[in-house]
Amino acid sequence: MNTTQWSVDKNVDKILKYPQIEQAAQLLREGKTVAFPTETVYGLGADATSDQAVQGIFEAKGRPSDNPLIVHISSKKQLHDIVEHVDNQAGKLIEQFWPGPLTLIFKKKEGVFSDLVTAGLDTVGIRMPDHPVALSIIEAAGKPIAAPSANRSGKPSPTSADHVYHDLHGRIAGIVDGGETGVGVESTVLDCTVTPPAILRPGGVSYEEIVECIGYAVIDPSVEEQIEKPRSPGMKYTHYAPTAPLFVTKGSDKWLQETIISFQQTGKKVGVMATVETISHLHADFLVACGSEEDLSTTAHSLYDSIRAFDNEAVDIILAQSVEPTGIGAAIMNRLVKAAGHKWLTENE
């Protein structure tokens, strides 16, 4: 398959009138798959109402078909055409966080979406991305757009067009390059069909921010468990994984250095990913500084790019420093633990 590429400056006014936007939208209307930037990661878009179009997402990504997809819209008024009911709590969340990195799960309207989008569920996850390129493409397409991350299934999500090209060139119809993404991790997924509302995936909007907005919410136990029938992307399968085995670490800098040496003594080439504060104290075969512990949003922003960096270095093992699981740190730890397949190395254990 020929993959067309376009470059768009997201900072220019009247982006909707760019010919590149209309060309990408036309491919979507034709049932093709197109990757585009959002504020979180690059998404792989297809017409959410078409079985054939959505099937193209699963084929390009190699994604299991029992994993539901998030639908992206370009305006708040679109929501009422595609879901059954928006209650007061959901309304508050929409007013506070849309457009933005929050996906809300609603009861779907029958006959709107391809069944492949919802994986046979009676619910659907909807979000309105906070990115001018994404919003312009969706508006121009005139359809709700299903758009999981634009990577091969199981691999780190893409935060640049180069990442998308590496994973999907020749497998999709188009890539719209709008520069690096901002948040760096996917949206939070909140189930609004249950009481209290339940976080199914931590992401760009924190638990604390949601509670501040609507008064209460819970973190679904499935966030930490392996489940059979996922209600949200990122719940069932190993995700975000580099080629080499990755272990999440928790312990002192001294212990981490000793752990590095012990692996090296067995002949392994060791890669380490840690905050700038920790990395300056370490020696390993390959070191990646991933943000600052003083501002974990910087860690989230560079997380997937940091994980991908190890694939170019042929390391045998990757040690990834854990962070405090509060605020955006909850999303960072969710992704790291899944990338590690729940493998930990902990001091004194």
Protein backbone atom coordinates (compact mmCIF):
# COMPACT_ATOMS: atom_id res chain seq x y z
CA MET A 1 0.00 0.00 0.00
CA ASN A 2 1.24 3.48 -0.85
CA THR A 3 1.34 5.72 2.24
CA THR A 4 0.91 9.42 1.44
CA GLN A 5 2.52 11.88 3.83
CA TRP A 6 1.62 15.51 4.48
CA SER A 7 3.12 18.14 6.77
CA VAL A 8 0.90 20.67 8.51
CA ASP A 9 1.86 23.56 10.79
CA LYS A 10 -0.55 23.28 13.70
CA ASN A 11 0.12 26.90 14.72
CA VAL A 12 -1.24 28.47 11.54
CA ASP A 13 -4.76 29.94 11.55
CA LYS A 14 -7.51 28.52 9.34
CA ILE A 15 -5.92 25.08 9.33
CA LEU A 16 -9.19 23.56 8.11
CA LYS A 17 -8.59 25.17 4.71
CA TYR A 18 -5.26 23.41 4.18
CA PRO A 19 -5.44 21.15 1.09
CA GLN A 20 -3.60 18.48 3.11
CA ILE A 21 -6.48 18.39 5.60
CA GLU A 22 -9.06 17.88 2.86
CA GLN A 23 -6.93 15.19 1.21
CA ALA A 24 -6.64 13.29 4.48
CA ALA A 25 -10.37 13.70 5.14
CA GLN A 26 -11.18 12.42 1.66
CA LEU A 27 -9.23 9.23 2.34
CA LEU A 28 -11.21 8.76 5.55
CA ARG A 29 -14.49 9.24 3.68
CA GLU A 30 -13.32 6.57 1.23
CA GLY A 31 -12.89 4.07 4.08
CA LYS A 32 -9.10 4.36 4.29
CA THR A 33 -6.88 4.66 7.37
CA VAL A 34 -5.01 7.89 8.13
CA ALA A 35 -2.68 8.70 11.04
CA PHE A 36 -2.82 12.18 12.56
CA PRO A 37 -1.56 13.94 15.69
CA THR A 38 -3.61 14.59 18.81
CA GLU A 39 -2.46 16.27 22.00
CA THR A 40 -1.78 12.85 23.54
CA VAL A 41 -0.26 10.55 20.87
CA TYR A 42 -0.70 10.03 17.13
CA GLY A 43 -3.97 8.26 16.31
CA LEU A 44 -4.79 5.90 13.46
CA GLY A 45 -8.14 7.12 12.18
CA ALA A 46 -10.93 5.43 10.22
CA ASP A 47 -14.65 6.02 9.72
CA ALA A 48 -16.24 4.66 12.93
CA THR A 49 -19.50 3.89 11.12
CA SER A 50 -17.95 1.55 8.53
CA ASP A 51 -17.03 -2.09 9.17
CA GLN A 52 -14.60 -2.10 6.27
CA ALA A 53 -12.86 1.08 7.40
CA VAL A 54 -12.53 -0.06 11.01
CA GLN A 55 -11.27 -3.46 9.91
CA GLY A 56 -8.42 -1.57 8.26
CA ILE A 57 -7.30 -0.33 11.68
CA PHE A 58 -7.10 -3.85 13.10
CA GLU A 59 -5.25 -5.13 10.05
CA ALA A 60 -2.72 -2.29 10.02
CA LYS A 61 -1.99 -2.51 13.73
CA GLY A 62 -2.26 -6.27 14.13
CA ARG A 63 -4.64 -5.43 16.96
CA PRO A 64 -6.93 -8.05 18.58
CA SER A 65 -10.53 -7.48 17.51
CA ASP A 66 -11.92 -7.87 21.05
CA ASN A 67 -10.18 -4.64 22.07
CA PRO A 68 -12.64 -1.70 21.73
CA LEU A 69 -11.66 1.54 20.00
CA ILE A 70 -12.09 5.13 21.12
CA VAL A 71 -14.18 7.37 18.85
CA HIS A 72 -13.06 10.95 18.24
CA ILE A 73 -15.41 13.84 17.50
CA SER A 74 -14.79 17.45 16.50
CA SER A 75 -17.57 19.20 18.44
CA LYS A 76 -19.52 18.71 21.63
CA LYS A 77 -22.85 18.82 19.78
CA GLN A 78 -21.85 15.68 17.84
CA LEU A 79 -22.01 13.69 21.05
CA HIS A 80 -25.80 13.76 21.34
CA ASP A 81 -26.16 12.21 17.88
CA ILE A 82 -24.16 9.11 18.78
CA VAL A 83 -24.84 8.26 22.46
CA GLU A 84 -28.04 7.59 24.38
CA HIS A 85 -27.72 9.94 27.33
CA VAL A 86 -25.36 12.55 28.80
CA ASP A 87 -26.02 13.03 32.50
CA ASN A 88 -25.09 16.03 34.66
CA GLN A 89 -21.80 14.51 35.84
CA ALA A 90 -20.68 13.81 32.30
CA GLY A 91 -21.77 17.31 31.34
CA LYS A 92 -19.52 18.81 34.02
CA LEU A 93 -16.59 16.73 32.86
CA ILE A 94 -17.16 17.74 29.24
CA GLU A 95 -17.35 21.39 30.18
CA GLN A 96 -14.13 21.15 32.20
CA PHE A 97 -11.98 18.83 30.09
CA TRP A 98 -13.17 18.85 26.46
CA PRO A 99 -11.44 19.30 24.19
CA GLY A 100 -8.75 17.38 26.02
CA PRO A 101 -7.25 14.03 27.06
CA LEU A 102 -10.37 12.54 28.66
CA THR A 103 -12.40 9.72 27.09
CA LEU A 104 -15.90 9.21 28.49
CA ILE A 105 -17.79 5.93 28.12
CA PHE A 106 -21.51 6.17 27.35
CA LYS A 107 -24.30 3.87 26.24
CA LYS A 108 -24.10 3.91 22.46
CA LYS A 109 -26.98 4.68 20.12
CA GLU A 110 -27.88 1.62 18.10
CA GLY A 111 -27.14 1.66 14.39
CA VAL A 112 -24.45 4.35 14.51
CA PHE A 113 -21.13 2.55 14.94
CA SER A 114 -19.54 -0.47 13.38
CA ASP A 115 -19.73 -3.35 15.88
CA LEU A 116 -15.96 -3.64 15.46
CA VAL A 117 -15.57 -0.29 17.24
CA THR A 118 -17.30 -1.45 20.41
CA ALA A 119 -16.15 -5.10 20.38
CA GLY A 120 -19.74 -6.22 20.92
CA LEU A 121 -20.32 -3.97 23.95
CA ASP A 122 -23.36 -1.72 24.34
CA THR A 123 -21.06 1.16 25.34
CA VAL A 124 -18.63 3.35 23.45
CA GLY A 125 -15.71 5.58 24.48
CA ILE A 126 -15.84 9.13 23.07
CA ARG A 127 -13.40 12.00 23.24
CA MET A 128 -12.83 15.38 21.64
CA PRO A 129 -9.08 15.86 21.09
CA ASP A 130 -7.40 19.16 21.91
CA HIS A 131 -5.37 19.48 18.72
CA PRO A 132 -6.18 21.72 15.73
CA VAL A 133 -5.01 19.16 13.17
CA ALA A 134 -7.08 16.34 14.63
CA LEU A 135 -10.17 18.52 15.01
CA SER A 136 -9.85 19.86 11.45
CA ILE A 137 -9.49 16.40 9.93
CA ILE A 138 -12.47 15.02 11.85
CA GLU A 139 -14.63 18.03 10.96
CA ALA A 140 -13.64 17.82 7.30
CA ALA A 141 -14.34 14.08 7.19
CA GLY A 142 -17.86 14.66 8.51
CA LYS A 143 -17.82 11.39 10.44
CA PRO A 144 -17.01 10.20 13.96
CA ILE A 145 -13.50 8.78 13.67
CA ALA A 146 -12.28 5.67 15.49
CA ALA A 147 -8.62 6.29 16.31
CA PRO A 148 -6.44 4.09 18.51
CA SER A 149 -2.73 4.90 18.74
CA ALA A 150 -0.96 4.71 15.38
CA ASN A 151 1.54 1.97 16.19
CA ARG A 152 1.86 -1.76 15.71
CA SER A 153 -0.10 -3.46 18.47
CA GLY A 154 1.89 -3.96 21.64
CA LYS A 155 4.59 -1.44 20.75
CA PRO A 156 5.14 1.99 22.34
CA SER A 157 2.61 4.56 21.20
CA PRO A 158 3.84 7.13 18.67
CA THR A 159 4.47 10.72 19.69
CA SER A 160 5.91 11.81 16.33
CA ALA A 161 5.19 11.17 12.67
CA ASP A 162 8.55 9.39 12.43
CA HIS A 163 7.31 6.82 14.95
CA VAL A 164 4.21 6.23 12.84
CA TYR A 165 6.27 5.89 9.67
CA HIS A 166 8.53 3.33 11.34
CA ASP A 167 5.59 1.17 12.45
CA LEU A 168 2.97 1.60 9.73
CA HIS A 169 4.52 2.84 6.49
CA GLY A 170 3.07 0.75 3.66
CA ARG A 171 0.22 -0.46 5.89
CA ILE A 172 -1.96 2.68 5.97
CA ALA A 173 -3.16 5.24 3.42
CA GLY A 174 -1.76 8.41 4.94
CA ILE A 175 0.24 10.12 7.69
CA VAL A 176 -0.38 13.77 8.62
CA ASP A 177 2.74 15.20 10.28
CA GLY A 178 1.76 17.88 12.77
CA GLY A 179 4.92 17.76 14.88
CA GLU A 180 5.49 16.14 18.25
CA THR A 181 2.52 15.57 20.53
CA GLY A 182 2.24 17.37 23.85
CA VAL A 183 0.90 15.21 26.68
CA GLY A 184 2.76 12.10 25.53
CA VAL A 185 0.46 9.46 27.08
CA GLU A 186 -3.04 8.49 26.01
CA SER A 187 -6.27 9.91 27.37
CA THR A 188 -7.82 8.92 30.66
CA VAL A 189 -10.81 6.60 30.14
CA LEU A 190 -13.71 7.16 32.53
CA ASP A 191 -16.81 4.96 32.53
CA CYS A 192 -19.83 7.21 33.00
CA THR A 193 -22.32 4.32 32.81
CA VAL A 194 -21.57 3.16 36.37
CA THR A 195 -21.93 4.75 39.80
CA PRO A 196 -19.53 6.04 40.93
CA PRO A 197 -17.79 6.79 37.61
CA ALA A 198 -14.80 4.47 37.22
CA ILE A 199 -11.40 5.13 35.69
CA LEU A 200 -10.58 2.23 33.34
CA ARG A 201 -7.29 3.72 32.14
CA PRO A 202 -5.29 6.51 33.80
CA GLY A 203 -4.08 9.14 31.39
CA GLY A 204 -3.76 12.84 30.64
CA VAL A 205 -6.47 13.89 33.12
CA SER A 206 -5.68 12.72 36.64
CA TYR A 207 -7.92 10.99 39.18
CA GLU A 208 -7.46 14.02 41.43
CA GLU A 209 -8.68 16.40 38.70
CA ILE A 210 -11.76 14.26 38.05
CA VAL A 211 -12.65 14.15 41.75
CA GLU A 212 -12.21 17.90 42.01
CA CYS A 213 -14.65 18.34 39.12
CA ILE A 214 -17.47 15.95 40.06
CA GLY A 215 -16.78 15.14 43.72
CA TYR A 216 -15.98 11.44 43.48
CA ALA A 217 -14.75 8.64 41.24
CA VAL A 218 -13.05 5.29 41.66
CA ILE A 219 -10.19 3.49 39.95
CA ASP A 220 -11.55 0.25 38.53
CA PRO A 221 -9.73 -2.86 39.87
CA SER A 222 -9.24 -3.97 36.27
CA VAL A 223 -6.59 -1.25 35.86
CA GLU A 224 -4.20 -3.47 37.80
CA GLU A 225 -5.50 -6.86 36.67
CA GLN A 226 -5.41 -9.02 33.54
CA ILE A 227 -9.00 -9.38 32.32
CA GLU A 228 -10.77 -11.44 29.68
CA LYS A 229 -13.15 -8.92 28.10
CA PRO A 230 -11.73 -5.39 28.02
CA ARG A 231 -14.10 -2.42 28.36
CA SER A 232 -11.41 0.03 27.33
CA PRO A 233 -8.21 0.06 25.28
CA GLY A 234 -5.11 -0.86 27.24
CA MET A 235 -6.83 -3.18 29.72
CA LYS A 236 -6.12 -6.72 28.53
CA TYR A 237 -2.93 -7.05 26.53
CA THR A 238 0.73 -6.22 27.01
CA HIS A 239 1.23 -2.74 25.60
CA TYR A 240 3.92 -0.15 25.03
CA ALA A 241 6.70 -2.77 25.05
CA PRO A 242 10.20 -2.41 23.57
CA THR A 243 12.00 -5.36 22.01
CA ALA A 244 14.19 -6.11 25.04
CA PRO A 245 12.60 -7.26 28.32
CA LEU A 246 11.82 -4.32 30.59
CA PHE A 247 11.70 -4.34 34.39
CA VAL A 248 10.25 -1.56 36.55
CA THR A 249 12.57 -0.77 39.44
CA LYS A 250 11.96 0.64 42.88
CA GLY A 251 14.86 1.37 45.21
CA SER A 252 17.78 3.65 45.99
CA ASP A 253 20.21 4.94 43.39
CA LYS A 254 22.97 2.87 45.03
CA TRP A 255 20.91 -0.31 44.78
CA LEU A 256 20.01 0.44 41.16
CA GLN A 257 23.68 0.84 40.23
CA GLU A 258 24.50 -2.45 41.97
CA THR A 259 21.67 -4.12 40.04
CA ILE A 260 23.06 -2.78 36.76
CA ILE A 261 26.50 -4.17 37.58
CA SER A 262 25.10 -7.56 38.54
CA PHE A 263 23.41 -7.90 35.14
CA GLN A 264 26.54 -6.73 33.34
CA GLN A 265 28.57 -9.37 35.13
CA THR A 266 26.39 -12.02 33.48
CA GLY A 267 27.28 -10.61 30.06
CA LYS A 268 24.12 -8.55 29.52
CA LYS A 269 24.07 -5.14 27.86
CA VAL A 270 21.96 -3.03 30.23
CA GLY A 271 19.81 -0.04 29.31
CA VAL A 272 18.40 2.27 31.97
CA MET A 273 15.57 4.80 31.79
CA ALA A 274 15.27 7.20 34.71
CA THR A 275 14.61 10.82 35.58
CA VAL A 276 17.35 13.38 34.99
CA GLU A 277 17.95 13.55 38.73
CA THR A 278 18.70 9.81 38.98
CA ILE A 279 20.40 9.21 35.63
CA SER A 280 23.26 11.55 36.53
CA HIS A 281 24.32 9.14 39.28
CA LEU A 282 24.32 5.98 37.16
CA HIS A 283 26.60 4.13 34.77
CA ALA A 284 25.18 1.60 32.29
CA ASP A 285 25.59 0.53 28.67
CA PHE A 286 22.85 2.89 27.51
CA LEU A 287 21.18 5.61 29.55
CA VAL A 288 17.99 7.52 28.70
CA ALA A 289 16.93 10.54 30.74
CA CYS A 290 13.14 10.62 30.84
CA GLY A 291 11.88 13.90 32.26
CA SER A 292 12.23 15.26 35.76
CA GLU A 293 10.82 14.00 39.04
CA GLU A 294 10.14 17.67 39.83
CA ASP A 295 7.65 17.83 36.94
CA LEU A 296 6.31 14.43 35.88
CA SER A 297 4.51 15.95 32.91
CA THR A 298 7.98 16.10 31.31
CA THR A 299 8.37 12.39 31.96
CA ALA A 300 4.98 11.63 30.39
CA HIS A 301 5.86 13.77 27.37
CA SER A 302 9.07 11.82 26.66
CA LEU A 303 8.00 8.37 27.91
CA TYR A 304 7.30 6.56 24.64
CA ASP A 305 10.16 8.20 22.77
CA SER A 306 12.45 7.06 25.59
CA ILE A 307 11.17 3.48 25.46
CA ARG A 308 11.57 3.38 21.67
CA ALA A 309 15.18 4.59 21.95
CA PHE A 310 16.28 1.22 23.36
CA ASP A 311 15.29 -0.64 20.20
CA ASN A 312 18.12 1.12 18.36
CA GLU A 313 20.75 0.09 20.90
CA ALA A 314 20.39 -3.71 21.00
CA VAL A 315 20.33 -3.85 24.80
CA ASP A 316 19.59 -7.18 26.48
CA ILE A 317 17.59 -5.78 29.40
CA ILE A 318 15.97 -2.45 30.29
CA LEU A 319 15.57 -1.12 33.84
CA ALA A 320 12.95 1.63 34.14
CA GLN A 321 12.77 3.74 37.28
CA SER A 322 9.32 3.96 38.89
CA VAL A 323 7.74 7.28 39.85
CA GLU A 324 5.13 8.32 42.37
CA PRO A 325 1.72 7.10 41.07
CA THR A 326 -0.17 10.34 41.74
CA GLY A 327 -1.40 12.87 39.21
CA ILE A 328 0.10 12.15 35.77
CA GLY A 329 2.42 9.69 37.56
CA ALA A 330 -0.47 7.20 37.68
CA ALA A 331 -0.59 7.15 33.87
CA ILE A 332 3.20 6.85 33.62
CA MET A 333 3.26 3.88 35.99
CA ASN A 334 0.32 2.21 34.23
CA ARG A 335 2.22 2.34 30.95
CA LEU A 336 5.55 1.25 32.45
CA VAL A 337 4.03 -1.74 34.25
CA LYS A 338 2.28 -2.86 31.08
CA ALA A 339 5.46 -2.37 29.05
CA ALA A 340 7.21 -4.59 31.59
CA GLY A 341 4.49 -7.24 31.55
CA HIS A 342 4.15 -6.59 35.32
CA LYS A 343 7.83 -7.46 35.98
CA TRP A 344 9.36 -5.59 38.93
CA LEU A 345 12.77 -5.44 40.60
CA THR A 346 12.51 -4.02 44.11
CA GLU A 347 15.20 -3.30 46.67
CA ASN A 348 15.27 -5.78 49.60
CA GLU A 349 13.05 -8.26 47.79
